[in-house]
Amino acid sequence: MHTLPANIDADVVLAIGWMLDDHAKLASVSLADSVEQIRGSQTTSLTDIEIEELVIEMAGSRGLAVLLDRTAR
């Protein structure tokens, strides 16, 4: 099991879960769109990288493909 961020935010985890549950099963999950959506709906101290890690972990557990489309900042 992957180690989660020390400052894990339960509201962000729930928001990612809802986002992924509503996502089409045959389409890849866009990291860029996911981070933007979470940033727009949640206030969190998690970094973009930590949000990306959560999205990847949670999408993988649901059998969803992830589109690695974020640019480095």
C-alpha atoms as a PDB file:
ATOM      1  CA  MET A   1       0.000   0.000   0.000  1.00  0.00           C
ATOM      2  CA  HIS A   2       1.212   3.453  -0.877  1.00  0.00           C
ATOM      3  CA  THR A   3       1.933   5.867   1.972  1.00  0.00           C
ATOM      4  CA  LEU A   4      -0.559   8.718   2.017  1.00  0.00           C
ATOM      5  CA  PRO A   5       0.408  12.343   2.668  1.00  0.00           C
ATOM      6  CA  ALA A   6       0.844  13.187   6.360  1.00  0.00           C
ATOM      7  CA  ASN A   7      -1.546  16.131   6.088  1.00  0.00           C
ATOM      8  CA  ILE A   8      -4.335  14.089   4.486  1.00  0.00           C
ATOM      9  CA  ASP A   9      -7.580  16.013   4.059  1.00  0.00           C
ATOM     10  CA  ALA A  10     -10.731  13.902   4.416  1.00  0.00           C
ATOM     11  CA  ASP A  11     -12.840  16.427   2.477  1.00  0.00           C
ATOM     12  CA  VAL A  12     -10.463  16.181  -0.493  1.00  0.00           C
ATOM     13  CA  VAL A  13     -10.535  12.376  -0.368  1.00  0.00           C
ATOM     14  CA  LEU A  14     -14.343  12.440  -0.385  1.00  0.00           C
ATOM     15  CA  ALA A  15     -14.413  14.969  -3.251  1.00  0.00           C
ATOM     16  CA  ILE A  16     -12.032  12.845  -5.322  1.00  0.00           C
ATOM     17  CA  GLY A  17     -14.132   9.768  -4.595  1.00  0.00           C
ATOM     18  CA  TRP A  18     -17.317  11.485  -5.753  1.00  0.00           C
ATOM     19  CA  MET A  19     -15.555  12.838  -8.839  1.00  0.00           C
ATOM     20  CA  LEU A  20     -14.241   9.386  -9.783  1.00  0.00           C
ATOM     21  CA  ASP A  21     -17.562   7.666  -9.052  1.00  0.00           C
ATOM     22  CA  ASP A  22     -19.242  10.058 -11.516  1.00  0.00           C
ATOM     23  CA  HIS A  23     -16.509   9.596 -14.145  1.00  0.00           C
ATOM     24  CA  ALA A  24     -17.200   7.595 -17.316  1.00  0.00           C
ATOM     25  CA  LYS A  25     -15.683   4.131 -16.951  1.00  0.00           C
ATOM     26  CA  LEU A  26     -14.223   4.016 -20.480  1.00  0.00           C
ATOM     27  CA  ALA A  27     -12.557   7.449 -20.443  1.00  0.00           C
ATOM     28  CA  SER A  28      -9.190   8.228 -18.866  1.00  0.00           C
ATOM     29  CA  VAL A  29      -9.164  10.449 -15.788  1.00  0.00           C
ATOM     30  CA  SER A  30      -7.306  13.676 -16.604  1.00  0.00           C
ATOM     31  CA  LEU A  31      -4.909  14.705 -13.827  1.00  0.00           C
ATOM     32  CA  ALA A  32      -4.969  18.333 -14.989  1.00  0.00           C
ATOM     33  CA  ASP A  33      -8.765  18.481 -14.874  1.00  0.00           C
ATOM     34  CA  SER A  34      -8.904  16.578 -11.585  1.00  0.00           C
ATOM     35  CA  VAL A  35      -6.504  18.914  -9.777  1.00  0.00           C
ATOM     36  CA  GLU A  36      -8.302  21.960 -11.195  1.00  0.00           C
ATOM     37  CA  GLN A  37     -11.681  20.598 -10.118  1.00  0.00           C
ATOM     38  CA  ILE A  38     -10.483  19.796  -6.579  1.00  0.00           C
ATOM     39  CA  ARG A  39      -8.766  23.196  -6.242  1.00  0.00           C
ATOM     40  CA  GLY A  40     -12.023  24.864  -7.351  1.00  0.00           C
ATOM     41  CA  SER A  41     -14.225  23.012  -4.902  1.00  0.00           C
ATOM     42  CA  GLN A  42     -11.992  22.478  -1.837  1.00  0.00           C
ATOM     43  CA  THR A  43      -9.691  24.571   0.314  1.00  0.00           C
ATOM     44  CA  THR A  44      -6.755  22.393   1.298  1.00  0.00           C
ATOM     45  CA  SER A  45      -3.116  22.540   2.303  1.00  0.00           C
ATOM     46  CA  LEU A  46      -2.333  19.561   0.037  1.00  0.00           C
ATOM     47  CA  THR A  47       0.030  20.319  -2.823  1.00  0.00           C
ATOM     48  CA  ASP A  48      -0.910  19.605  -6.430  1.00  0.00           C
ATOM     49  CA  ILE A  49       1.472  16.629  -6.368  1.00  0.00           C
ATOM     50  CA  GLU A  50      -0.263  15.206  -3.280  1.00  0.00           C
ATOM     51  CA  ILE A  51      -3.668  15.632  -4.931  1.00  0.00           C
ATOM     52  CA  GLU A  52      -2.314  13.909  -8.048  1.00  0.00           C
ATOM     53  CA  GLU A  53      -1.067  10.985  -5.939  1.00  0.00           C
ATOM     54  CA  LEU A  54      -4.485  10.622  -4.319  1.00  0.00           C
ATOM     55  CA  VAL A  55      -6.251  10.734  -7.700  1.00  0.00           C
ATOM     56  CA  ILE A  56      -3.890   8.093  -9.134  1.00  0.00           C
ATOM     57  CA  GLU A  57      -4.284   5.802  -6.107  1.00  0.00           C
ATOM     58  CA  MET A  58      -8.059   6.152  -5.993  1.00  0.00           C
ATOM     59  CA  ALA A  59      -8.518   5.824  -9.769  1.00  0.00           C
ATOM     60  CA  GLY A  60      -6.325   2.705  -9.751  1.00  0.00           C
ATOM     61  CA  SER A  61      -8.415   1.095  -7.039  1.00  0.00           C
ATOM     62  CA  ARG A  62     -11.482   1.685  -9.227  1.00  0.00           C
ATOM     63  CA  GLY A  63      -9.793   0.270 -12.351  1.00  0.00           C
ATOM     64  CA  LEU A  64      -9.803   3.635 -14.132  1.00  0.00           C
ATOM     65  CA  ALA A  65      -7.028   4.734 -16.485  1.00  0.00           C
ATOM     66  CA  VAL A  66      -5.290   8.022 -15.683  1.00  0.00           C
ATOM     67  CA  LEU A  67      -4.164  10.565 -18.276  1.00  0.00           C
ATOM     68  CA  LEU A  68      -0.811  12.033 -17.170  1.00  0.00           C
ATOM     69  CA  ASP A  69      -1.441  15.457 -18.711  1.00  0.00           C
ATOM     70  CA  ARG A  70      -0.236  17.887 -16.036  1.00  0.00           C
ATOM     71  CA  THR A  71       2.718  20.096 -16.820  1.00  0.00           C
ATOM     72  CA  ALA A  72       5.483  20.497 -14.246  1.00  0.00           C
ATOM     73  CA  ARG A  73       5.459  23.740 -12.279  1.00  0.00           C
END
